[in-house]
N, C-alpha and C. Protein backbone atom coordinates (compact mmCIF):
# COMPACT_ATOMS: atom_id res chain seq x y z
N MET A 1 13.01 107.97 147.54
CA MET A 1 12.78 106.58 147.50
C MET A 1 12.05 106.25 148.83
N LYS A 2 11.19 105.48 148.64
CA LYS A 2 10.24 105.10 149.80
C LYS A 2 10.94 104.15 150.82
N TRP A 3 11.81 103.25 150.38
CA TRP A 3 12.34 102.25 151.41
C TRP A 3 13.26 102.77 152.31
N MET A 4 13.81 103.90 152.02
CA MET A 4 14.89 104.52 152.78
C MET A 4 14.25 105.18 154.07
N VAL A 5 14.85 104.95 155.21
CA VAL A 5 14.49 105.40 156.52
C VAL A 5 15.34 106.64 156.86
N ARG A 6 14.60 107.74 157.23
CA ARG A 6 15.21 108.95 157.62
C ARG A 6 15.76 108.84 159.01
N LEU A 7 16.84 109.56 159.51
CA LEU A 7 17.37 109.45 160.76
C LEU A 7 16.28 109.82 161.88
N GLU A 8 15.39 110.79 161.57
CA GLU A 8 14.55 111.18 162.47
C GLU A 8 13.46 110.09 162.87
N ASP A 9 13.16 109.21 161.75
CA ASP A 9 12.15 108.10 162.01
C ASP A 9 12.70 106.93 162.81
N SER A 10 13.99 106.80 162.97
CA SER A 10 14.59 105.76 163.65
C SER A 10 14.99 106.11 165.18
N VAL A 11 14.62 107.34 165.62
CA VAL A 11 14.83 107.60 167.02
C VAL A 11 13.94 106.90 167.93
N ARG A 12 14.41 106.27 168.79
CA ARG A 12 13.77 105.59 169.84
C ARG A 12 12.96 106.42 170.85
N ARG A 13 11.84 105.80 171.29
CA ARG A 13 11.09 106.46 172.40
C ARG A 13 11.67 106.17 173.72
N PRO A 14 11.47 107.01 174.66
CA PRO A 14 12.06 106.67 176.11
C PRO A 14 11.37 105.52 176.56
N VAL A 15 12.20 104.68 177.26
CA VAL A 15 11.71 103.50 177.90
C VAL A 15 11.08 103.74 179.19
N LYS A 16 9.92 103.14 179.34
CA LYS A 16 9.00 103.20 180.53
C LYS A 16 9.82 102.66 181.70
N PRO A 17 10.07 103.23 182.90
CA PRO A 17 10.66 102.66 184.05
C PRO A 17 9.82 101.42 184.55
N ILE A 18 10.47 100.46 185.05
CA ILE A 18 9.85 99.32 185.70
C ILE A 18 9.45 99.74 187.26
N THR A 19 8.10 99.52 187.43
CA THR A 19 7.77 99.82 188.90
C THR A 19 8.08 98.74 189.77
N LEU A 20 7.88 99.05 190.99
CA LEU A 20 8.21 97.87 192.07
C LEU A 20 7.15 96.87 191.99
N LEU A 21 5.94 97.07 191.62
CA LEU A 21 4.91 96.10 191.38
C LEU A 21 5.31 95.23 190.14
N ASP A 22 5.58 95.82 189.09
CA ASP A 22 6.11 95.02 187.93
C ASP A 22 7.28 94.05 188.24
N LEU A 23 8.16 94.63 188.93
CA LEU A 23 9.39 93.78 189.26
C LEU A 23 8.93 92.70 190.23
N ALA A 24 8.02 92.96 191.16
CA ALA A 24 7.52 91.86 192.04
C ALA A 24 6.85 90.78 191.29
N VAL A 25 5.97 91.19 190.34
CA VAL A 25 5.18 90.18 189.58
C VAL A 25 6.12 89.32 188.73
N ARG A 26 7.10 90.00 188.02
CA ARG A 26 8.09 89.23 187.18
C ARG A 26 8.89 88.19 188.09
N LEU A 27 9.30 88.67 189.11
CA LEU A 27 10.14 87.78 190.00
C LEU A 27 9.40 86.55 190.62
N SER A 28 8.18 86.82 190.92
CA SER A 28 7.24 85.75 191.42
C SER A 28 7.03 84.80 190.38
N VAL A 29 6.88 85.07 189.04
CA VAL A 29 6.52 84.15 188.03
C VAL A 29 7.87 83.26 187.84
N VAL A 30 9.06 83.97 187.83
CA VAL A 30 10.23 83.24 187.67
C VAL A 30 10.40 82.25 188.83
N ALA A 31 10.15 82.68 189.96
CA ALA A 31 10.27 81.75 191.23
C ALA A 31 9.42 80.61 191.15
N MET A 32 8.17 80.81 190.65
CA MET A 32 7.27 79.69 190.50
C MET A 32 7.85 78.64 189.42
N PHE A 33 8.37 79.15 188.46
CA PHE A 33 8.75 78.14 187.46
C PHE A 33 10.07 77.35 187.96
N LEU A 34 10.84 77.94 188.77
CA LEU A 34 12.13 77.41 189.30
C LEU A 34 11.57 76.52 190.33
N ALA A 35 10.59 76.75 191.20
CA ALA A 35 10.21 76.00 192.11
C ALA A 35 9.75 74.71 191.65
N VAL A 36 8.97 74.68 190.65
CA VAL A 36 8.36 73.42 189.91
C VAL A 36 9.35 72.65 189.36
N SER A 37 10.38 73.16 188.67
CA SER A 37 11.56 72.43 188.00
C SER A 37 12.38 71.77 189.10
N VAL A 38 12.65 72.54 190.18
CA VAL A 38 13.38 71.83 191.28
C VAL A 38 12.70 70.67 192.04
N LYS A 39 11.42 70.87 192.32
CA LYS A 39 10.74 69.78 192.95
C LYS A 39 10.69 68.54 192.12
N ALA A 40 10.66 68.66 190.82
CA ALA A 40 10.58 67.45 189.98
C ALA A 40 11.79 66.61 190.08
N GLN A 41 12.96 67.07 190.52
CA GLN A 41 14.21 66.44 190.47
C GLN A 41 14.56 65.62 191.63
N PHE A 42 13.73 65.68 192.76
CA PHE A 42 14.04 65.09 193.87
C PHE A 42 13.35 63.66 194.10
N THR A 43 13.88 62.73 193.37
CA THR A 43 13.41 61.27 193.46
C THR A 43 14.65 60.34 193.65
N SER A 44 14.37 59.20 194.14
CA SER A 44 15.52 58.20 194.35
C SER A 44 15.14 56.89 193.97
N ASN A 45 16.11 56.04 193.86
CA ASN A 45 15.95 54.66 193.53
C ASN A 45 16.42 53.64 194.72
N VAL A 46 15.84 52.71 194.90
CA VAL A 46 16.25 51.58 195.95
C VAL A 46 16.46 50.27 195.12
N GLN A 47 17.57 49.66 195.14
CA GLN A 47 17.77 48.41 194.61
C GLN A 47 18.67 47.53 195.37
N GLY A 48 18.55 46.13 194.93
CA GLY A 48 19.22 45.22 195.54
C GLY A 48 19.11 43.75 195.19
N PHE A 49 19.57 42.91 195.98
CA PHE A 49 19.36 41.49 195.65
C PHE A 49 18.86 40.68 196.86
N VAL A 50 17.96 39.67 196.68
CA VAL A 50 17.51 38.99 197.86
C VAL A 50 18.23 37.48 197.72
N LEU A 51 18.88 37.11 198.75
CA LEU A 51 19.58 35.97 198.97
C LEU A 51 19.14 35.11 200.11
N ASP A 52 19.24 33.77 199.92
CA ASP A 52 18.83 32.90 201.04
C ASP A 52 20.14 32.69 201.99
N PRO A 53 19.98 32.15 203.00
CA PRO A 53 21.11 31.92 204.00
C PRO A 53 22.40 31.35 203.39
N SER A 54 22.29 30.44 202.35
CA SER A 54 23.40 29.89 201.64
C SER A 54 24.09 30.81 200.71
N GLY A 55 23.49 31.96 200.43
CA GLY A 55 24.06 32.83 199.36
C GLY A 55 23.28 32.77 198.04
N ALA A 56 22.45 31.83 197.76
CA ALA A 56 21.92 31.63 196.50
C ALA A 56 20.74 32.74 196.39
N VAL A 57 20.62 33.20 195.13
CA VAL A 57 19.60 34.17 194.78
C VAL A 57 18.35 33.59 194.90
N LEU A 58 17.24 34.44 195.36
CA LEU A 58 15.85 33.96 195.45
C LEU A 58 15.18 34.67 194.32
N VAL A 59 14.70 33.92 193.33
CA VAL A 59 13.89 34.30 192.23
C VAL A 59 12.30 34.36 192.66
N GLY A 60 11.62 35.49 192.35
CA GLY A 60 10.26 35.64 192.67
C GLY A 60 10.02 35.97 194.20
N ALA A 61 10.94 36.17 194.89
CA ALA A 61 10.70 36.69 196.29
C ALA A 61 9.86 38.04 196.27
N THR A 62 9.14 38.23 197.21
CA THR A 62 8.28 39.48 197.16
C THR A 62 9.21 40.45 198.24
N VAL A 63 9.24 41.64 197.73
CA VAL A 63 10.07 42.56 198.44
C VAL A 63 9.14 43.89 198.51
N GLY A 64 9.02 44.48 199.75
CA GLY A 64 8.08 45.61 199.97
C GLY A 64 8.89 46.79 200.49
N LEU A 65 8.45 48.05 200.25
CA LEU A 65 9.08 49.24 200.76
C LEU A 65 8.00 50.13 200.98
N ARG A 66 8.06 50.93 202.30
CA ARG A 66 6.98 51.77 202.74
C ARG A 66 7.61 53.01 203.06
N ASN A 67 7.02 54.09 202.77
CA ASN A 67 7.33 55.44 202.99
C ASN A 67 6.82 55.72 204.37
N LEU A 68 7.74 55.95 205.40
CA LEU A 68 7.27 56.10 206.79
C LEU A 68 6.56 57.46 206.99
N GLY A 69 6.78 58.48 206.16
CA GLY A 69 6.07 59.74 206.16
C GLY A 69 4.52 59.68 205.71
N THR A 70 4.39 58.94 204.65
CA THR A 70 3.08 58.83 204.00
C THR A 70 2.39 57.59 204.15
N GLY A 71 3.08 56.57 204.50
CA GLY A 71 2.54 55.22 204.75
C GLY A 71 2.25 54.53 203.47
N VAL A 72 2.69 55.02 202.18
CA VAL A 72 2.61 54.41 200.93
C VAL A 72 3.48 53.22 200.78
N GLN A 73 2.94 52.16 200.25
CA GLN A 73 3.78 50.96 200.24
C GLN A 73 3.98 50.53 198.79
N ASN A 74 5.09 50.08 198.49
CA ASN A 74 5.55 49.48 197.05
C ASN A 74 5.94 48.16 197.26
N VAL A 75 5.34 47.24 196.35
CA VAL A 75 5.58 45.72 196.48
C VAL A 75 5.99 45.29 195.11
N MET A 76 7.02 44.48 195.04
CA MET A 76 7.45 43.89 193.71
C MET A 76 8.01 42.49 194.06
N LYS A 77 8.21 41.70 193.03
CA LYS A 77 8.94 40.48 193.09
C LYS A 77 10.25 40.60 192.54
N THR A 78 11.19 39.68 192.92
CA THR A 78 12.51 39.87 192.38
C THR A 78 12.58 39.07 191.02
N GLY A 79 13.56 39.59 190.17
CA GLY A 79 13.71 39.05 188.99
C GLY A 79 14.52 37.78 188.93
N GLU A 80 14.89 37.41 187.64
CA GLU A 80 15.71 36.04 187.48
C GLU A 80 17.01 36.06 188.34
N GLY A 81 17.58 37.05 188.42
CA GLY A 81 18.89 37.15 189.19
C GLY A 81 18.66 37.57 190.68
N GLY A 82 17.34 37.42 191.18
CA GLY A 82 17.07 37.93 192.50
C GLY A 82 17.14 39.30 192.80
N ASN A 83 17.14 40.08 191.76
CA ASN A 83 17.41 41.52 191.86
C ASN A 83 16.00 42.15 191.98
N TYR A 84 15.92 43.39 192.60
CA TYR A 84 14.82 44.24 192.53
C TYR A 84 15.33 45.69 192.50
N ARG A 85 14.33 46.60 192.00
CA ARG A 85 14.61 47.90 191.87
C ARG A 85 13.41 48.81 191.90
N PHE A 86 13.28 49.68 192.93
CA PHE A 86 12.10 50.56 193.19
C PHE A 86 12.69 52.03 192.58
N SER A 87 12.01 52.45 191.47
CA SER A 87 12.48 53.56 190.74
C SER A 87 11.56 54.89 191.07
N SER A 88 12.04 55.97 190.94
CA SER A 88 11.33 57.33 190.94
C SER A 88 10.56 57.43 192.28
N LEU A 89 11.19 57.02 193.28
CA LEU A 89 10.54 57.24 194.70
C LEU A 89 10.71 58.67 195.13
N PRO A 90 9.42 59.18 195.70
CA PRO A 90 9.64 60.60 196.16
C PRO A 90 10.51 60.59 197.45
N ALA A 91 11.08 61.90 197.69
CA ALA A 91 11.93 61.80 198.86
C ALA A 91 11.27 61.59 200.08
N GLY A 92 11.91 60.88 201.11
CA GLY A 92 11.26 60.59 202.46
C GLY A 92 12.03 59.36 203.00
N ASN A 93 11.75 58.95 204.18
CA ASN A 93 12.27 57.96 204.85
C ASN A 93 11.56 56.70 204.57
N CYS A 94 12.12 55.66 204.15
CA CYS A 94 11.65 54.41 203.83
C CYS A 94 12.10 53.30 204.66
N ARG A 95 11.32 52.24 204.62
CA ARG A 95 11.70 50.96 205.38
C ARG A 95 11.31 49.67 204.67
N ASP A 96 11.96 48.61 204.70
CA ASP A 96 11.43 47.43 204.12
C ASP A 96 10.50 46.79 205.00
N PHE A 97 9.53 45.99 204.46
CA PHE A 97 8.62 45.27 205.39
C PHE A 97 8.40 43.87 204.64
N ARG A 98 7.92 42.97 205.42
CA ARG A 98 7.57 41.57 204.95
C ARG A 98 6.14 41.28 204.99
């Protein structure tokens, strides 16, 4: 019968040993993918409320945030409840400005 496999046909060939160069290339490719996936996870959010001296919320107040390392500024207006939220900010030191 043609579909039957003889034992001699299923014998495996010897495995080629991995060289140091092969190992270094494989590890560097894995490290690149890990570095990209880890870097994408470091973001943060800043949120809060703007109140006047009497404690009432300020609707439509301008709120600004500046990254001290890059100088990038983000500006937005507060919502109906006086709230604001800066999302997906890159890692760094920030300060509010007016």
